[in-house]
Amino acid sequence: MEAALRLGIFVSVFVAVAALEILLPRRPKTADWRRRWGINLGILVIDVVAQRLTVGAAAFATAIYAQNHGWGLFNLLDWPFWIEALLGFLILDFAIYLQHVLSHALPAFWRLHQVHHADLDVDLTTGVRFHPLEIIISMLYKAAIVAALGIDPWVVIIFEAVLNGFSVFTHGNIHLPEWLDRRLRYVFCTPDMHRVHHSVIPCETDSNFGFCLSVWDRFCGTMLREPAKGQIGVTLGLSQFRRPDDVSLWKILLMPFRVLARQRAAQDSSETL
C-alpha cells in the first residue's frame, strides 16, 4: 500500500508539472530534452531497482518497527498525535536540508551529488536525477532519524510523498506569476528560488538548499533571492561538464568514480615528480 500510494501521488504531481512546463515555460531549452528525459528517467528506474534490492522502504519499515517496539522519543512521550506528527515532519524536512548542505560541503558526498547538478537544463526530470548510492545513503539517514524519534508510519508516508512531489515541482521549468512566487516562498521553495541553486557560479550553488520548506534557508542564512544574471541569463549545470557527451547515462553513473580516478592519477603523478 505504501508504495502504491507514493507512486500514485508522484505520477499525479509529475503529470501536473509537465503540463505547467508546456503552458508556462520559464526558460528556453538549451539541450535536447528527449535525450535528457531518457537519461534522467533511466536513472530513476535504476534508483528504484537499486533501492528495492537493497534497503527497500527503509524509513517506512523502521517507523513500523519503532512503533511496534516502543522505540524513539515520541513513543516515550504522551503528546497529542498532531503535535508529534507536525514535529516529525518539520524535523525530517530540516534533516533533508542539512543533508543537502553536507552533500555540497563534504567531498565524498559531493562526488555523488554532482550527478544531480550536472544536468545542462533544469526541469521536472532533474528532480529525480540522483545517483543510486546517494538515494540509498539518504534512505538510511532518514531511517535513523525515524528510529531515534519514533515517527508515526503515516507521517513518514506523507513526508516521503511531499518530498518527492516538491523535488519534481521545485525543479520544474515553470514561470509562476511574480506575486504568487513571492508569497509562496515565504514558506515553501519555488522553482525560481531553487533554480538559483543550480547555477554554475559557486556562491549561487551554495544557496537555497531547501526542498519543501524555505524557512530553513531563511533561518540559516543560505537564502539567495535571484541569480546575478537573472532567471533567463543564469547558466545551469557544472562548469566541468558542459558537453552532452559528458553527461550520458553511463558516464553519469560512473561520474563519482571517474573523479576519484582522476584525482588518484594526479596524486600519483605528483609523487613521482
Protein backbone atom coordinates (compact mmCIF):
# COMPACT_ATOMS: atom_id res chain seq x y z
CA MET A 1 0.00 0.00 0.00
CA GLU A 2 2.81 2.41 0.91
CA ALA A 3 4.49 2.00 -2.48
CA ALA A 4 1.22 2.30 -4.42
CA LEU A 5 0.23 5.47 -2.57
CA ARG A 6 3.59 7.12 -3.13
CA LEU A 7 3.59 6.11 -6.79
CA GLY A 8 0.09 7.50 -7.33
CA ILE A 9 0.99 10.85 -5.78
CA PHE A 10 4.29 11.02 -7.69
CA VAL A 11 2.66 10.32 -11.06
CA SER A 12 -0.07 12.90 -10.39
CA VAL A 13 2.47 15.59 -9.50
CA PHE A 14 4.71 14.66 -12.44
CA VAL A 15 1.85 14.96 -14.95
CA ALA A 16 0.68 18.27 -13.42
CA VAL A 17 4.18 19.82 -13.50
CA ALA A 18 4.77 18.52 -17.05
CA ALA A 19 1.56 20.28 -18.14
CA LEU A 20 2.64 23.52 -16.44
CA GLU A 21 6.03 23.35 -18.18
CA ILE A 22 4.21 23.27 -21.51
CA LEU A 23 1.75 26.02 -20.61
CA LEU A 24 4.06 28.29 -18.57
CA PRO A 25 7.70 27.68 -19.57
CA ARG A 26 10.27 29.77 -17.70
CA ARG A 27 13.43 29.26 -19.78
CA PRO A 28 14.16 28.12 -23.35
CA LYS A 29 15.69 24.66 -23.60
CA THR A 30 19.44 24.57 -24.30
CA ALA A 31 19.82 20.79 -24.66
CA ASP A 32 17.87 18.03 -26.42
CA TRP A 33 15.02 17.41 -23.98
CA ARG A 34 14.29 13.93 -25.36
CA ARG A 35 17.83 12.79 -24.66
CA ARG A 36 17.80 14.40 -21.22
CA TRP A 37 14.47 12.85 -20.29
CA GLY A 38 15.71 9.44 -21.41
CA ILE A 39 18.82 9.78 -19.25
CA ASN A 40 17.06 11.22 -16.19
CA LEU A 41 14.16 8.77 -16.25
CA GLY A 42 16.66 5.96 -16.87
CA ILE A 43 18.47 6.98 -13.67
CA LEU A 44 15.11 6.98 -11.86
CA VAL A 45 14.43 3.39 -12.93
CA ILE A 46 17.92 2.33 -11.79
CA ASP A 47 17.38 4.14 -8.47
CA VAL A 48 14.08 2.34 -7.83
CA VAL A 49 15.56 -1.08 -8.64
CA ALA A 50 18.69 -0.42 -6.54
CA GLN A 51 16.63 0.75 -3.58
CA ARG A 52 14.22 -2.18 -3.71
CA LEU A 53 17.10 -4.67 -3.98
CA THR A 54 18.96 -3.14 -1.02
CA VAL A 55 17.32 -1.02 1.69
CA GLY A 56 13.78 -1.02 0.29
CA ALA A 57 11.35 1.36 2.01
CA ALA A 58 13.71 1.56 4.99
CA ALA A 59 12.23 4.70 6.58
CA PHE A 60 8.66 3.35 6.48
CA ALA A 61 9.71 -0.12 7.68
CA THR A 62 11.71 1.46 10.50
CA ALA A 63 8.68 3.54 11.54
CA ILE A 64 6.53 0.41 11.81
CA TYR A 65 9.21 -1.46 13.78
CA ALA A 66 9.74 1.51 16.11
CA GLN A 67 6.01 1.80 16.71
CA ASN A 68 5.63 -1.92 17.47
CA HIS A 69 8.62 -1.99 19.84
CA GLY A 70 8.26 1.39 21.51
CA TRP A 71 11.41 2.87 20.03
CA GLY A 72 12.11 6.58 19.81
CA LEU A 73 11.38 9.77 21.69
CA PHE A 74 7.74 10.15 20.65
CA ASN A 75 6.90 6.62 21.85
CA LEU A 76 8.13 7.62 25.30
CA LEU A 77 6.05 10.80 25.43
CA ASP A 78 2.31 11.21 25.83
CA TRP A 79 1.89 14.15 23.47
CA PRO A 80 -1.14 14.59 21.19
CA PHE A 81 -0.70 12.89 17.82
CA TRP A 82 -0.93 16.14 15.84
CA ILE A 83 1.99 17.68 17.78
CA GLU A 84 4.18 14.61 17.24
CA ALA A 85 3.17 14.46 13.57
CA LEU A 86 3.95 18.16 12.99
CA LEU A 87 7.28 17.95 14.82
CA GLY A 88 8.20 14.74 13.00
CA PHE A 89 7.51 16.32 9.59
CA LEU A 90 9.43 19.51 10.43
CA ILE A 91 12.43 17.62 11.81
CA LEU A 92 12.56 15.35 8.77
CA ASP A 93 12.42 18.33 6.40
CA PHE A 94 15.19 20.13 8.34
CA ALA A 95 17.23 16.90 8.27
CA ILE A 96 16.95 16.80 4.46
CA TYR A 97 18.06 20.45 4.35
CA LEU A 98 21.13 19.56 6.44
CA GLN A 99 21.84 16.51 4.28
CA HIS A 100 21.75 18.74 1.21
CA VAL A 101 24.17 21.21 2.78
CA LEU A 102 26.55 18.37 3.68
CA SER A 103 26.26 16.98 0.14
CA HIS A 104 27.93 20.18 -1.04
CA ALA A 105 30.34 20.62 1.86
CA LEU A 106 31.83 17.12 2.10
CA PRO A 107 33.88 16.00 -0.95
CA ALA A 108 32.84 12.32 -0.68
CA PHE A 109 29.15 13.25 -0.73
CA TRP A 110 29.63 15.88 -3.44
CA ARG A 111 31.06 13.26 -5.80
CA LEU A 112 27.66 11.58 -5.67
CA HIS A 113 25.54 14.73 -5.58
CA GLN A 114 27.25 16.27 -8.62
CA VAL A 115 25.29 13.79 -10.75
CA HIS A 116 22.20 15.83 -9.87
CA HIS A 117 23.89 19.16 -10.65
CA ALA A 118 25.49 18.10 -13.94
CA ASP A 119 22.18 18.43 -15.81
CA LEU A 120 22.60 21.02 -18.58
CA ASP A 121 18.99 22.15 -18.23
CA VAL A 122 16.73 22.03 -15.19
CA ASP A 123 13.19 20.73 -15.44
CA LEU A 124 10.95 18.31 -13.59
CA THR A 125 13.12 15.29 -14.54
CA THR A 126 16.11 16.89 -12.80
CA GLY A 127 14.15 16.31 -9.60
CA VAL A 128 14.53 12.53 -9.98
CA ARG A 129 18.15 12.57 -11.20
CA PHE A 130 20.19 11.27 -8.26
CA HIS A 131 22.98 8.71 -8.11
CA PRO A 132 21.73 5.33 -6.74
CA LEU A 133 24.30 5.40 -3.94
CA GLU A 134 23.06 8.82 -2.85
CA ILE A 135 19.48 7.50 -2.78
CA ILE A 136 20.50 4.54 -0.58
CA ILE A 137 22.51 6.74 1.81
CA SER A 138 19.62 9.19 2.06
CA MET A 139 17.16 6.41 2.88
CA LEU A 140 19.38 5.03 5.64
CA TYR A 141 19.83 8.56 7.02
CA LYS A 142 16.06 9.09 7.17
CA ALA A 143 15.54 5.66 8.74
CA ALA A 144 17.98 6.54 11.54
CA ILE A 145 16.07 9.76 12.30
CA VAL A 146 12.74 7.93 12.23
CA ALA A 147 14.09 5.33 14.68
CA ALA A 148 15.51 7.97 17.05
CA LEU A 149 12.26 9.93 17.18
CA GLY A 150 9.73 7.11 16.75
CA ILE A 151 7.90 8.99 13.98
CA ASP A 152 4.50 7.52 13.08
CA PRO A 153 4.46 5.44 9.84
CA TRP A 154 1.71 7.61 8.31
CA VAL A 155 3.80 10.73 8.90
CA VAL A 156 6.71 9.04 7.13
CA ILE A 157 4.48 8.17 4.14
CA ILE A 158 3.18 11.73 3.91
CA PHE A 159 6.66 13.20 4.23
CA GLU A 160 8.12 10.93 1.54
CA ALA A 161 5.24 11.78 -0.82
CA VAL A 162 5.63 15.53 -0.18
CA LEU A 163 9.41 15.34 -0.57
CA ASN A 164 9.17 13.51 -3.90
CA GLY A 165 6.44 15.84 -5.14
CA PHE A 166 8.33 19.01 -4.19
CA SER A 167 11.52 17.68 -5.76
CA VAL A 168 9.67 17.49 -9.08
CA PHE A 169 7.85 20.81 -8.59
CA THR A 170 10.84 22.94 -7.48
CA HIS A 171 12.92 21.72 -10.44
CA GLY A 172 10.10 22.43 -12.88
CA ASN A 173 10.74 24.84 -15.74
CA ILE A 174 7.67 26.83 -14.66
CA HIS A 175 7.04 30.56 -14.79
CA LEU A 176 4.83 31.29 -11.82
CA PRO A 177 3.35 34.81 -11.60
CA GLU A 178 5.71 37.02 -9.62
CA TRP A 179 3.13 37.79 -6.93
CA LEU A 180 2.43 34.09 -6.40
CA ASP A 181 6.11 33.13 -6.31
CA ARG A 182 6.82 35.90 -3.81
CA ARG A 183 4.06 34.76 -1.47
CA LEU A 184 4.78 31.04 -1.77
CA ARG A 185 8.46 31.37 -0.96
CA TYR A 186 7.70 32.81 2.47
CA VAL A 187 7.05 29.20 3.48
CA PHE A 188 7.74 26.89 0.53
CA CYS A 189 10.50 26.50 -2.05
CA THR A 190 9.53 27.59 -5.56
CA PRO A 191 11.04 26.77 -8.97
CA ASP A 192 12.59 30.26 -9.32
CA MET A 193 14.06 30.02 -5.83
CA HIS A 194 15.58 26.59 -6.35
CA ARG A 195 16.84 27.32 -9.87
CA VAL A 196 19.42 29.67 -8.29
CA HIS A 197 20.91 26.61 -6.60
CA HIS A 198 21.68 25.04 -10.00
CA SER A 199 23.80 27.95 -11.22
CA VAL A 200 27.39 27.24 -12.29
CA ILE A 201 28.53 30.10 -10.02
CA PRO A 202 29.71 28.54 -6.72
CA CYS A 203 28.28 31.23 -4.42
CA GLU A 204 24.87 30.71 -6.04
CA THR A 205 25.13 26.92 -5.95
CA ASP A 206 25.83 27.15 -2.21
CA SER A 207 22.44 28.69 -1.51
CA ASN A 208 18.74 27.73 -1.45
CA PHE A 209 19.26 24.16 -0.21
CA GLY A 210 15.63 23.55 0.80
CA PHE A 211 13.41 21.04 -0.95
CA CYS A 212 10.00 21.69 0.61
CA LEU A 213 10.09 24.42 3.27
CA SER A 214 12.03 27.60 2.55
CA VAL A 215 12.23 28.63 6.21
CA TRP A 216 15.45 26.68 6.82
CA ASP A 217 17.33 28.71 4.19
CA ARG A 218 15.99 31.88 5.74
CA PHE A 219 16.85 30.91 9.31
CA CYS A 220 20.29 29.52 8.44
CA GLY A 221 21.32 32.40 6.18
CA THR A 222 21.55 30.41 2.94
CA MET A 223 18.72 32.21 1.13
CA LEU A 224 19.56 33.94 -2.17
CA ARG A 225 16.60 35.54 -3.92
CA GLU A 226 17.84 35.76 -7.53
CA PRO A 227 20.89 34.71 -9.58
CA ALA A 228 23.20 37.55 -10.61
CA LYS A 229 22.30 37.14 -14.31
CA GLY A 230 18.58 36.67 -13.71
CA GLN A 231 16.40 33.62 -14.24
CA ILE A 232 16.84 33.65 -18.02
CA GLY A 233 20.55 34.55 -18.16
CA VAL A 234 21.82 32.15 -15.48
CA THR A 235 23.93 29.24 -16.75
CA LEU A 236 22.86 25.94 -15.24
CA GLY A 237 24.89 22.80 -14.56
CA LEU A 238 28.56 22.32 -13.71
CA SER A 239 31.40 24.15 -15.42
CA GLN A 240 33.48 20.98 -15.89
CA PHE A 241 30.68 19.03 -17.62
CA ARG A 242 29.38 21.19 -20.47
CA ARG A 243 29.23 18.77 -23.41
CA PRO A 244 26.28 16.39 -23.88
CA ASP A 245 28.78 13.50 -24.16
CA ASP A 246 29.99 14.28 -20.63
CA VAL A 247 26.56 13.53 -19.19
CA SER A 248 25.48 10.34 -20.93
CA LEU A 249 23.72 7.77 -18.74
CA TRP A 250 26.73 5.54 -18.12
CA LYS A 251 29.15 8.43 -17.66
CA ILE A 252 26.78 9.90 -15.08
CA LEU A 253 26.64 6.64 -13.14
CA LEU A 254 30.45 6.42 -13.23
CA MET A 255 30.97 10.13 -12.59
CA PRO A 256 31.85 9.87 -8.86
CA PHE A 257 34.41 7.13 -9.54
CA ARG A 258 35.88 8.87 -12.60
CA VAL A 259 36.57 11.90 -10.44
CA LEU A 260 38.26 9.67 -7.88
CA ALA A 261 40.33 8.04 -10.60
CA ARG A 262 41.50 11.42 -11.97
CA GLN A 263 42.45 12.66 -8.52
CA ARG A 264 44.36 9.47 -7.73
CA ALA A 265 46.22 9.67 -11.05
CA ALA A 266 47.15 13.31 -10.39
CA GLN A 267 48.37 12.41 -6.91
CA ASP A 268 50.48 9.52 -8.20
CA SER A 269 51.95 11.82 -10.86
CA SER A 270 52.91 14.47 -8.30
CA GLU A 271 54.53 11.87 -6.04
CA THR A 272 56.55 10.53 -8.98
CA LEU A 273 57.85 14.02 -9.75
